Amino acid sequence: MAIELYYWPTPNGWKITIALEEMGLPYNLHLIDIGKGEQFAPDFLKIAPNNRMPAIVDPEGPDGAPISIFESGAILQYLARKTGRFGGATERDRIAVDQWLMWQMGGLGPMAGQAHHFLKYAPAMDPPNDLPYAKDRYRGEVARLYGVLDRQLADHEYVAGAEFTIADMAIWPWASLWEGQQQSLDDKPNMARWLDLVGARDGVQRGRAIAAEKRSNIESDRKAQSVLFGKRA
């Protein structure tokens, strides 16, 4: 049975469309327009109580019973276990995959997200919030993290080793946006190689293309800014 995917074309959303395409799992797409506040709808909050997408409902979950899952990293781990693919073949492999997945969830994703916010969105708000300290802080931390990634990839074809895994699926969507984070690949040849390698995969390209036309320019969308960056209880 098809997995129900609640999605919007963002880096976190791409992780799951890429995984589903790579794994060959059927899914039904439910668009959650975060610029319109659809992530706060009561029915969606039953699935994703943190009002963030993506989320999935698998009608054939553990023991054959339906299960809903939120948080992109948890979804990736679940899908890898469900299919027996892309999660690491041995316990050592799984540890390597998990630690780089956690590196993305706890480090690169939040830091790159803040870099996008303070470098692109905050200066375009009304009134503008052009904060040099915040811009330097997050731009510098993303640069540090990409240095870590580049050094790891100097000795490994993929992030967690010789095989493409959910760690690559988690990191690539954020790393592919390096230009918007005001980064350079001139001193990161291994990361540049890996970006091209992963980006050339058919499943990655299909996953990245899902609802691509729905991506909007938040810098000029005042209503979306209010929804995404306004205060909520």
Protein backbone atom coordinates (compact mmCIF):
# COMPACT_ATOMS: atom_id res chain seq x y z
CA MET A 1 0.00 0.00 0.00
CA ALA A 2 1.16 3.52 -0.77
CA ILE A 3 2.73 5.66 1.92
CA GLU A 4 0.97 8.98 2.54
CA LEU A 5 3.57 11.76 2.30
CA TYR A 6 2.93 15.24 3.68
CA TYR A 7 5.40 17.46 1.91
CA TRP A 8 6.55 20.84 0.68
CA PRO A 9 9.60 21.33 -1.62
CA THR A 10 12.20 22.30 0.98
CA PRO A 11 15.49 20.60 1.86
CA ASN A 12 13.81 18.58 4.61
CA GLY A 13 11.01 17.60 2.26
CA TRP A 14 13.48 16.59 -0.45
CA LYS A 15 15.10 14.10 1.90
CA ILE A 16 11.95 12.01 1.92
CA THR A 17 10.98 12.26 -1.73
CA ILE A 18 14.55 11.27 -2.59
CA ALA A 19 14.36 8.31 -0.21
CA LEU A 20 11.01 7.14 -1.52
CA GLU A 21 12.20 7.41 -5.12
CA GLU A 22 15.50 5.67 -4.40
CA MET A 23 13.75 2.89 -2.51
CA GLY A 24 11.04 2.45 -5.12
CA LEU A 25 8.24 2.82 -2.56
CA PRO A 26 4.81 3.96 -3.80
CA TYR A 27 3.47 7.09 -2.17
CA ASN A 28 0.61 9.56 -2.35
CA LEU A 29 1.62 13.22 -2.21
CA HIS A 30 -0.15 15.68 0.08
CA LEU A 31 1.18 19.21 -0.31
CA ILE A 32 1.43 21.21 2.91
CA ASP A 33 1.87 24.84 1.89
CA ILE A 34 3.99 26.20 4.71
CA GLY A 35 3.74 29.74 3.33
CA LYS A 36 -0.04 29.61 3.86
CA GLY A 37 0.19 28.07 7.32
CA GLU A 38 -1.22 24.66 6.40
CA GLN A 39 1.29 23.05 8.79
CA PHE A 40 -0.85 24.40 11.65
CA ALA A 41 -4.06 22.65 10.53
CA PRO A 42 -5.46 20.38 13.29
CA ASP A 43 -5.50 17.29 11.07
CA PHE A 44 -1.84 17.76 10.18
CA LEU A 45 -0.89 18.38 13.82
CA LYS A 46 -2.27 14.94 14.67
CA ILE A 47 0.47 13.53 12.44
CA ALA A 48 3.21 16.10 13.05
CA PRO A 49 2.70 17.76 16.47
CA ASN A 50 5.75 19.99 15.98
CA ASN A 51 3.98 21.68 13.01
CA ARG A 52 6.81 20.88 10.64
CA MET A 53 6.85 18.82 7.52
CA PRO A 54 7.64 16.32 6.16
CA ALA A 55 5.62 13.61 7.79
CA ILE A 56 4.38 10.25 6.61
CA VAL A 57 1.64 7.77 7.37
CA ASP A 58 2.50 4.20 6.48
CA PRO A 59 -0.66 2.05 6.35
CA GLU A 60 1.57 -1.02 6.57
CA GLY A 61 3.64 -0.12 9.61
CA PRO A 62 5.08 -2.42 12.27
CA ASP A 63 3.03 -5.62 12.68
CA GLY A 64 0.96 -4.50 9.70
CA ALA A 65 -0.69 -1.65 11.63
CA PRO A 66 -0.68 1.97 10.37
CA ILE A 67 1.90 4.37 11.82
CA SER A 68 2.50 8.09 11.46
CA ILE A 69 6.03 9.50 11.70
CA PHE A 70 7.34 13.05 11.87
CA GLU A 71 10.92 14.40 11.80
CA SER A 72 12.81 13.76 8.58
CA GLY A 73 15.67 11.86 10.22
CA ALA A 74 13.29 9.48 11.98
CA ILE A 75 11.43 8.93 8.70
CA LEU A 76 14.68 8.11 6.89
CA GLN A 77 15.69 5.61 9.56
CA TYR A 78 12.26 4.00 9.47
CA LEU A 79 12.24 3.67 5.69
CA ALA A 80 15.76 2.20 5.72
CA ARG A 81 14.67 -0.43 8.26
CA LYS A 82 11.43 -1.12 6.41
CA THR A 83 13.18 -1.78 3.11
CA GLY A 84 16.51 -3.08 4.40
CA ARG A 85 18.24 -0.57 2.11
CA PHE A 86 20.52 2.44 2.48
CA GLY A 87 20.90 2.13 6.25
CA GLY A 88 24.17 0.18 6.36
CA ALA A 89 24.81 -3.52 5.83
CA THR A 90 26.65 -4.22 9.12
CA GLU A 91 26.43 -2.78 12.62
CA ARG A 92 29.59 -0.75 12.00
CA ASP A 93 28.09 0.56 8.78
CA ARG A 94 24.85 1.48 10.57
CA ILE A 95 26.76 3.37 13.24
CA ALA A 96 28.58 5.36 10.56
CA VAL A 97 25.31 6.15 8.81
CA ASP A 98 23.56 7.13 12.04
CA GLN A 99 26.30 9.45 13.23
CA TRP A 100 26.37 11.37 9.94
CA LEU A 101 22.58 11.49 9.88
CA MET A 102 22.65 12.98 13.39
CA TRP A 103 25.38 15.39 12.25
CA GLN A 104 22.98 16.71 9.64
CA MET A 105 19.97 16.82 11.94
CA GLY A 106 21.75 18.49 14.83
CA GLY A 107 24.33 20.56 12.97
CA LEU A 108 24.15 21.24 9.26
CA GLY A 109 20.36 21.52 8.96
CA PRO A 110 19.85 24.00 11.80
CA MET A 111 22.96 26.05 10.98
CA ALA A 112 22.26 26.20 7.24
CA GLY A 113 18.64 27.05 7.98
CA GLN A 114 19.71 29.98 10.16
CA ALA A 115 22.19 31.06 7.49
CA HIS A 116 19.39 31.17 4.94
CA HIS A 117 17.23 33.14 7.34
CA PHE A 118 19.71 35.82 8.30
CA LEU A 119 21.47 36.09 4.93
CA LYS A 120 18.41 36.04 2.66
CA TYR A 121 15.12 36.46 4.48
CA ALA A 122 15.71 38.74 7.46
CA PRO A 123 17.22 41.59 5.39
CA ALA A 124 14.20 41.45 3.06
CA MET A 125 11.62 41.69 5.84
CA ASP A 126 9.57 44.78 6.64
CA PRO A 127 11.26 46.40 8.46
CA PRO A 128 14.61 44.91 7.37
CA ASN A 129 16.59 42.93 9.92
CA ASP A 130 20.11 43.10 8.54
CA LEU A 131 22.19 41.77 11.41
CA PRO A 132 25.93 41.51 10.65
CA TYR A 133 26.72 39.44 13.74
CA ALA A 134 24.05 36.82 12.96
CA LYS A 135 25.08 36.71 9.30
CA ASP A 136 28.74 36.18 10.17
CA ARG A 137 27.92 33.70 12.91
CA TYR A 138 25.87 31.31 10.77
CA ARG A 139 27.84 31.77 7.57
CA GLY A 140 30.98 30.87 9.51
CA GLU A 141 29.45 27.87 11.22
CA VAL A 142 28.18 26.47 7.92
CA ALA A 143 31.67 26.94 6.47
CA ARG A 144 33.13 25.00 9.41
CA LEU A 145 30.64 22.17 8.91
CA TYR A 146 31.36 21.97 5.20
CA GLY A 147 35.04 21.73 6.07
CA VAL A 148 34.21 18.71 8.24
CA LEU A 149 32.22 17.20 5.38
CA ASP A 150 34.99 17.83 2.84
CA ARG A 151 37.58 16.12 5.04
CA GLN A 152 35.31 13.10 5.52
CA LEU A 153 34.78 12.83 1.78
CA ALA A 154 38.52 12.92 1.12
CA ASP A 155 38.69 9.28 2.22
CA HIS A 156 35.17 8.08 1.38
CA GLU A 157 33.18 8.03 -1.83
CA TYR A 158 29.99 8.76 0.08
CA VAL A 159 29.51 10.39 3.45
CA ALA A 160 29.32 7.23 5.55
CA GLY A 161 31.64 5.09 3.45
CA ALA A 162 31.67 3.34 0.10
CA GLU A 163 27.89 3.12 -0.32
CA PHE A 164 25.13 5.66 -0.88
CA THR A 165 22.94 5.81 2.25
CA ILE A 166 20.28 7.80 4.04
CA ALA A 167 23.09 9.98 5.40
CA ASP A 168 23.73 11.25 1.87
CA MET A 169 20.00 11.68 1.35
CA ALA A 170 19.82 13.86 4.45
CA ILE A 171 22.88 16.00 3.79
CA TRP A 172 22.71 16.55 0.03
CA PRO A 173 19.51 18.65 -0.03
CA TRP A 174 21.01 21.21 2.33
CA ALA A 175 24.52 21.08 0.89
CA SER A 176 23.19 21.55 -2.65
CA LEU A 177 22.09 25.04 -1.59
CA TRP A 178 25.61 26.12 -0.64
CA GLU A 179 25.48 29.23 -2.84
CA GLY A 180 22.49 30.63 -0.96
CA GLN A 181 24.43 30.07 2.26
CA GLN A 182 27.23 32.23 0.80
CA GLN A 183 29.74 29.40 0.75
CA SER A 184 32.55 28.49 -1.64
CA LEU A 185 33.58 25.12 -3.02
CA ASP A 186 36.97 26.36 -4.22
CA ASP A 187 38.65 24.90 -1.15
CA LYS A 188 36.29 21.89 -0.88
CA PRO A 189 37.01 19.67 -3.89
CA ASN A 190 35.77 16.52 -2.20
CA MET A 191 32.43 18.06 -1.34
CA ALA A 192 32.12 19.37 -4.90
CA ARG A 193 32.79 15.86 -6.28
CA TRP A 194 30.20 14.35 -3.96
CA LEU A 195 27.56 16.97 -4.78
CA ASP A 196 27.88 16.07 -8.45
CA LEU A 197 27.96 12.32 -7.76
CA VAL A 198 24.81 12.32 -5.66
CA GLY A 199 23.06 14.90 -7.82
CA ALA A 200 23.49 12.70 -10.89
CA ARG A 201 21.45 9.83 -9.41
CA ASP A 202 18.08 9.29 -11.05
CA GLY A 203 16.28 8.87 -7.74
CA VAL A 204 17.78 12.06 -6.37
CA GLN A 205 16.79 14.00 -9.45
CA ARG A 206 13.24 12.65 -9.36
CA GLY A 207 12.88 13.37 -5.65
CA ARG A 208 14.27 16.87 -6.01
CA ALA A 209 11.83 17.63 -8.82
CA ILE A 210 8.65 16.79 -6.91
CA ALA A 211 6.45 19.93 -6.83
CA ALA A 212 9.49 22.05 -7.68
CA GLU A 213 7.21 24.62 -9.29
CA LYS A 214 5.67 25.33 -5.86
CA ARG A 215 8.86 26.84 -4.45
CA SER A 216 8.31 30.55 -3.91
CA ASN A 217 10.48 33.59 -3.32
CA ILE A 218 10.02 34.18 0.40
CA GLU A 219 12.14 37.33 0.23
CA SER A 220 9.28 39.10 -1.55
CA ASP A 221 6.30 37.27 -0.04
CA ARG A 222 5.21 39.27 3.00
CA LYS A 223 2.34 36.94 3.86
CA ALA A 224 4.62 33.90 3.87
CA GLN A 225 7.14 35.79 6.00
CA SER A 226 4.43 36.52 8.56
CA VAL A 227 3.35 32.87 8.66
CA LEU A 228 6.86 31.41 8.78
CA PHE A 229 8.61 33.96 10.97
CA GLY A 230 5.78 35.35 13.10
CA LYS A 231 5.34 34.51 16.75
CA ARG A 232 3.13 31.54 17.66
CA ALA A 233 2.38 29.91 20.96
